[in-house]
Amino acid sequence: MSEHTISYNNHRFPPQIIARAVWLYFR
């Protein structure tokens, strides 16, 4: 279960990267 938690923590992106991804997607 801890492995899943570590994977989840590593998969969290900063808001800036999320905004950039959304901008590129809706470009």
PDB file of N, CA and C in Angstrom:
ATOM      1  N   MET A   1       0.835  -1.194   0.000  1.00  0.00           N
ATOM      2  CA  MET A   1       0.000   0.000   0.000  1.00  0.00           C
ATOM      3  C   MET A   1       0.875   1.252   0.000  1.00  0.00           C
ATOM      4  N   SER A   2       1.994   1.206   0.725  1.00  0.00           N
ATOM      5  CA  SER A   2       2.887   2.374   0.758  1.00  0.00           C
ATOM      6  C   SER A   2       3.470   2.631  -0.631  1.00  0.00           C
ATOM      7  N   GLU A   3       3.667   1.564  -1.400  1.00  0.00           N
ATOM      8  CA  GLU A   3       4.197   1.748  -2.753  1.00  0.00           C
ATOM      9  C   GLU A   3       3.230   2.595  -3.585  1.00  0.00           C
ATOM     10  N   HIS A   4       1.940   2.322  -3.422  1.00  0.00           N
ATOM     11  CA  HIS A   4       0.932   3.087  -4.159  1.00  0.00           C
ATOM     12  C   HIS A   4       0.958   4.552  -3.725  1.00  0.00           C
ATOM     13  N   THR A   5       1.164   4.778  -2.436  1.00  0.00           N
ATOM     14  CA  THR A   5       1.202   6.153  -1.930  1.00  0.00           C
ATOM     15  C   THR A   5       2.397   6.890  -2.511  1.00  0.00           C
ATOM     16  N   ILE A   6       3.557   6.218  -2.565  1.00  0.00           N
ATOM     17  CA  ILE A   6       4.759   6.854  -3.115  1.00  0.00           C
ATOM     18  C   ILE A   6       4.518   7.194  -4.590  1.00  0.00           C
ATOM     19  N   SER A   7       3.918   6.263  -5.322  1.00  0.00           N
ATOM     20  CA  SER A   7       3.643   6.494  -6.737  1.00  0.00           C
ATOM     21  C   SER A   7       2.719   7.699  -6.898  1.00  0.00           C
ATOM     22  N   TYR A   8       1.731   7.793  -6.017  1.00  0.00           N
ATOM     23  CA  TYR A   8       0.775   8.905  -6.099  1.00  0.00           C
ATOM     24  C   TYR A   8       1.473  10.226  -5.805  1.00  0.00           C
ATOM     25  N   ASN A   9       2.360  10.222  -4.814  1.00  0.00           N
ATOM     26  CA  ASN A   9       3.083  11.447  -4.466  1.00  0.00           C
ATOM     27  C   ASN A   9       3.995  11.870  -5.614  1.00  0.00           C
ATOM     28  N   ASN A  10       4.609  10.905  -6.285  1.00  0.00           N
ATOM     29  CA  ASN A  10       5.510  11.233  -7.387  1.00  0.00           C
ATOM     30  C   ASN A  10       4.735  11.716  -8.612  1.00  0.00           C
ATOM     31  N   HIS A  11       3.447  11.429  -8.643  1.00  0.00           N
ATOM     32  CA  HIS A  11       2.652  11.769  -9.825  1.00  0.00           C
ATOM     33  C   HIS A  11       1.976  13.127  -9.671  1.00  0.00           C
ATOM     34  N   ARG A  12       2.187  13.786  -8.536  1.00  0.00           N
ATOM     35  CA  ARG A  12       1.550  15.093  -8.329  1.00  0.00           C
ATOM     36  C   ARG A  12       2.340  16.165  -9.065  1.00  0.00           C
ATOM     37  N   PHE A  13       1.662  16.925  -9.924  1.00  0.00           N
ATOM     38  CA  PHE A  13       2.323  17.957 -10.706  1.00  0.00           C
ATOM     39  C   PHE A  13       2.065  19.330 -10.098  1.00  0.00           C
ATOM     40  N   PRO A  14       3.044  20.215 -10.184  1.00  0.00           N
ATOM     41  CA  PRO A  14       2.843  21.597  -9.732  1.00  0.00           C
ATOM     42  C   PRO A  14       1.772  22.280 -10.580  1.00  0.00           C
ATOM     43  N   PRO A  15       1.059  23.252 -10.012  1.00  0.00           N
ATOM     44  CA  PRO A  15      -0.014  23.946 -10.751  1.00  0.00           C
ATOM     45  C   PRO A  15       0.484  24.543 -12.061  1.00  0.00           C
ATOM     46  N   GLN A  16       1.731  25.011 -12.076  1.00  0.00           N
ATOM     47  CA  GLN A  16       2.254  25.639 -13.289  1.00  0.00           C
ATOM     48  C   GLN A  16       2.302  24.633 -14.435  1.00  0.00           C
ATOM     49  N   ILE A  17       2.757  23.426 -14.147  1.00  0.00           N
ATOM     50  CA  ILE A  17       2.846  22.407 -15.189  1.00  0.00           C
ATOM     51  C   ILE A  17       1.448  22.009 -15.651  1.00  0.00           C
ATOM     52  N   ILE A  18       0.512  21.931 -14.717  1.00  0.00           N
ATOM     53  CA  ILE A  18      -0.864  21.588 -15.084  1.00  0.00           C
ATOM     54  C   ILE A  18      -1.438  22.660 -16.000  1.00  0.00           C
ATOM     55  N   ALA A  19      -1.207  23.925 -15.640  1.00  0.00           N
ATOM     56  CA  ALA A  19      -1.722  25.027 -16.454  1.00  0.00           C
ATOM     57  C   ALA A  19      -1.120  24.971 -17.851  1.00  0.00           C
ATOM     58  N   ARG A  20       0.166  24.666 -17.930  1.00  0.00           N
ATOM     59  CA  ARG A  20       0.836  24.587 -19.232  1.00  0.00           C
ATOM     60  C   ARG A  20       0.252  23.450 -20.063  1.00  0.00           C
ATOM     61  N   ALA A  21       0.004  22.320 -19.430  1.00  0.00           N
ATOM     62  CA  ALA A  21      -0.554  21.173 -20.148  1.00  0.00           C
ATOM     63  C   ALA A  21      -1.954  21.493 -20.654  1.00  0.00           C
ATOM     64  N   VAL A  22      -2.751  22.157 -19.823  1.00  0.00           N
ATOM     65  CA  VAL A  22      -4.107  22.531 -20.238  1.00  0.00           C
ATOM     66  C   VAL A  22      -4.046  23.524 -21.387  1.00  0.00           C
ATOM     67  N   TRP A  23      -3.122  24.478 -21.290  1.00  0.00           N
ATOM     68  CA  TRP A  23      -2.993  25.485 -22.348  1.00  0.00           C
ATOM     69  C   TRP A  23      -2.600  24.814 -23.668  1.00  0.00           C
ATOM     70  N   LEU A  24      -1.665  23.876 -23.596  1.00  0.00           N
ATOM     71  CA  LEU A  24      -1.246  23.192 -24.815  1.00  0.00           C
ATOM     72  C   LEU A  24      -2.390  22.345 -25.379  1.00  0.00           C
ATOM     73  N   TYR A  25      -3.215  21.797 -24.481  1.00  0.00           N
ATOM     74  CA  TYR A  25      -4.305  20.927 -24.918  1.00  0.00           C
ATOM     75  C   TYR A  25      -5.413  21.726 -25.596  1.00  0.00           C
ATOM     76  N   PHE A  26      -5.717  22.899 -25.043  1.00  0.00           N
ATOM     77  CA  PHE A  26      -6.813  23.714 -25.588  1.00  0.00           C
ATOM     78  C   PHE A  26      -6.313  24.764 -26.575  1.00  0.00           C
ATOM     79  N   ARG A  27      -5.040  24.696 -26.907  1.00  0.00           N
ATOM     80  CA  ARG A  27      -4.443  25.673 -27.810  1.00  0.00           C
ATOM     81  C   ARG A  27      -5.211  25.704 -29.128  1.00  0.00           C
TER      82      ARG A  27
END
